[in-house]
Amino acid sequence: MLRQFCFFTAVGAVGTAAHFATLALLVENLGLDPLPASLAGFAAGALVNYLLNRHLTFRSHARHSAALPKFLAVALLGAALNTLLMYLGLHLLQLHYLLAQALAALLVLFWNFTGSRLWAFRQTA
């Protein structure tokens, strides 16, 4: 499980890079508010994470029609948690949006791994 978590974290770093790139592009170049921009970034990161985790981390052979909806449910709950944490970081703690996002991403990592391992990519006999 530790090896799988390490792969998941490495894949997550790539997904997080996609998330942060989308977030920064939308905020800095298009002037979008950080909360919806973060949600768009989360969606971009989720797509990257699904593809890489399916093939590399969990080596799942489950049909996309079975695995993808489960992954999206885990990701959507993660997105809701991410949005809540961003809101708290921005408005309660008055953090810079990138620092708030970094803290949120770290906490959501544990939810996403658990949901992915135990449900979305779970291998059935």
Protein backbone atom coordinates (compact mmCIF):
# COMPACT_ATOMS: atom_id res chain seq x y z
CA MET A 1 0.00 0.00 0.00
CA LEU A 2 2.91 2.38 0.69
CA ARG A 3 4.23 1.87 -2.85
CA GLN A 4 0.76 2.54 -4.23
CA PHE A 5 0.46 5.71 -2.12
CA CYS A 6 3.83 6.90 -3.44
CA PHE A 7 2.70 6.33 -7.04
CA PHE A 8 -0.61 8.04 -6.24
CA THR A 9 1.26 11.01 -4.79
CA ALA A 10 3.56 11.27 -7.83
CA VAL A 11 0.60 11.08 -10.20
CA GLY A 12 -1.16 13.59 -7.98
CA ALA A 13 1.77 15.97 -8.38
CA VAL A 14 1.22 15.94 -12.14
CA GLY A 15 -2.52 16.46 -11.64
CA THR A 16 -1.81 19.21 -9.13
CA ALA A 17 0.46 20.92 -11.65
CA ALA A 18 -2.41 20.87 -14.15
CA HIS A 19 -4.71 22.20 -11.40
CA PHE A 20 -2.36 25.06 -10.42
CA ALA A 21 -1.58 25.95 -14.05
CA THR A 22 -5.29 26.21 -14.84
CA LEU A 23 -5.95 28.16 -11.62
CA ALA A 24 -3.16 30.66 -12.22
CA LEU A 25 -4.04 31.09 -15.90
CA LEU A 26 -7.68 31.80 -15.12
CA VAL A 27 -6.91 34.19 -12.24
CA GLU A 28 -3.87 36.01 -13.62
CA ASN A 29 -4.70 36.11 -17.35
CA LEU A 30 -8.50 36.07 -17.44
CA GLY A 31 -9.26 37.82 -14.14
CA LEU A 32 -11.52 35.06 -12.84
CA ASP A 33 -12.24 34.86 -9.11
CA PRO A 34 -10.00 32.26 -7.38
CA LEU A 35 -12.88 30.04 -6.18
CA PRO A 36 -14.39 29.14 -9.58
CA ALA A 37 -10.90 29.12 -11.10
CA SER A 38 -9.85 26.59 -8.48
CA LEU A 39 -12.84 24.41 -9.36
CA ALA A 40 -11.89 24.51 -13.06
CA GLY A 41 -8.32 23.63 -12.10
CA PHE A 42 -9.59 20.75 -9.99
CA ALA A 43 -11.46 19.39 -13.03
CA ALA A 44 -8.33 19.57 -15.20
CA GLY A 45 -6.29 17.84 -12.51
CA ALA A 46 -8.96 15.17 -12.04
CA LEU A 47 -8.82 14.19 -15.71
CA VAL A 48 -5.04 13.82 -15.58
CA ASN A 49 -5.30 11.88 -12.31
CA TYR A 50 -7.93 9.47 -13.62
CA LEU A 51 -5.93 8.48 -16.67
CA LEU A 52 -2.59 8.12 -14.89
CA ASN A 53 -3.94 6.43 -11.76
CA ARG A 54 -6.01 3.98 -13.78
CA HIS A 55 -2.97 2.85 -15.76
CA LEU A 56 0.00 3.40 -13.43
CA THR A 57 -1.05 3.43 -9.78
CA PHE A 58 -3.88 0.92 -9.61
CA ARG A 59 -3.36 -0.86 -12.95
CA SER A 60 -7.08 -1.23 -13.15
CA HIS A 61 -8.71 -3.38 -15.79
CA ALA A 62 -12.18 -2.23 -14.82
CA ARG A 63 -14.24 -0.91 -17.69
CA HIS A 64 -14.30 2.87 -17.94
CA SER A 65 -18.09 2.65 -17.62
CA ALA A 66 -17.60 1.16 -14.13
CA ALA A 67 -14.47 2.97 -12.90
CA LEU A 68 -15.02 6.47 -14.29
CA PRO A 69 -18.34 7.23 -12.53
CA LYS A 70 -16.87 6.05 -9.22
CA PHE A 71 -13.73 8.10 -9.78
CA LEU A 72 -15.85 11.14 -10.62
CA ALA A 73 -17.89 10.68 -7.42
CA VAL A 74 -14.67 10.58 -5.38
CA ALA A 75 -13.32 13.58 -7.31
CA LEU A 76 -16.54 15.59 -6.89
CA LEU A 77 -16.53 15.03 -3.15
CA GLY A 78 -12.86 16.00 -3.22
CA ALA A 79 -13.77 19.12 -5.21
CA ALA A 80 -16.40 20.06 -2.63
CA LEU A 81 -13.87 19.55 0.16
CA ASN A 82 -11.28 21.53 -1.82
CA THR A 83 -13.73 24.40 -2.35
CA LEU A 84 -14.65 24.48 1.33
CA LEU A 85 -10.99 24.50 2.34
CA MET A 86 -10.22 27.23 -0.22
CA TYR A 87 -13.08 29.32 1.11
CA LEU A 88 -11.86 28.92 4.69
CA GLY A 89 -8.27 29.67 3.68
CA LEU A 90 -9.21 32.76 1.70
CA HIS A 91 -11.91 34.27 3.89
CA LEU A 92 -11.28 32.98 7.40
CA LEU A 93 -7.50 32.72 7.44
CA GLN A 94 -6.91 35.50 4.85
CA LEU A 95 -4.27 33.40 3.02
CA HIS A 96 -2.93 34.10 -0.46
CA TYR A 97 -4.92 31.99 -2.91
CA LEU A 98 -1.92 29.84 -3.90
CA LEU A 99 -1.09 29.03 -0.27
CA ALA A 100 -4.75 28.27 0.47
CA GLN A 101 -4.80 25.95 -2.55
CA ALA A 102 -1.60 24.19 -1.50
CA LEU A 103 -3.02 23.44 1.95
CA ALA A 104 -6.34 22.31 0.49
CA ALA A 105 -4.58 20.02 -2.01
CA LEU A 106 -2.56 18.39 0.74
CA LEU A 107 -5.65 17.59 2.79
CA VAL A 108 -7.72 16.43 -0.18
CA LEU A 109 -4.90 14.04 -1.17
CA PHE A 110 -5.79 11.68 1.67
CA TRP A 111 -9.49 11.62 0.78
CA ASN A 112 -8.75 10.99 -2.90
CA PHE A 113 -6.32 8.13 -2.24
CA THR A 114 -8.69 6.36 0.13
CA GLY A 115 -11.70 6.74 -2.16
CA SER A 116 -9.74 5.69 -5.22
CA ARG A 117 -8.11 2.68 -3.61
CA LEU A 118 -11.10 1.33 -1.76
CA TRP A 119 -13.82 2.08 -4.25
CA ALA A 120 -13.10 3.68 -7.65
CA PHE A 121 -10.27 1.38 -8.78
CA ARG A 122 -10.95 -1.54 -6.46
CA GLN A 123 -10.19 -4.84 -8.13
CA THR A 124 -12.98 -7.35 -7.81
CA ALA A 125 -12.42 -11.07 -8.15
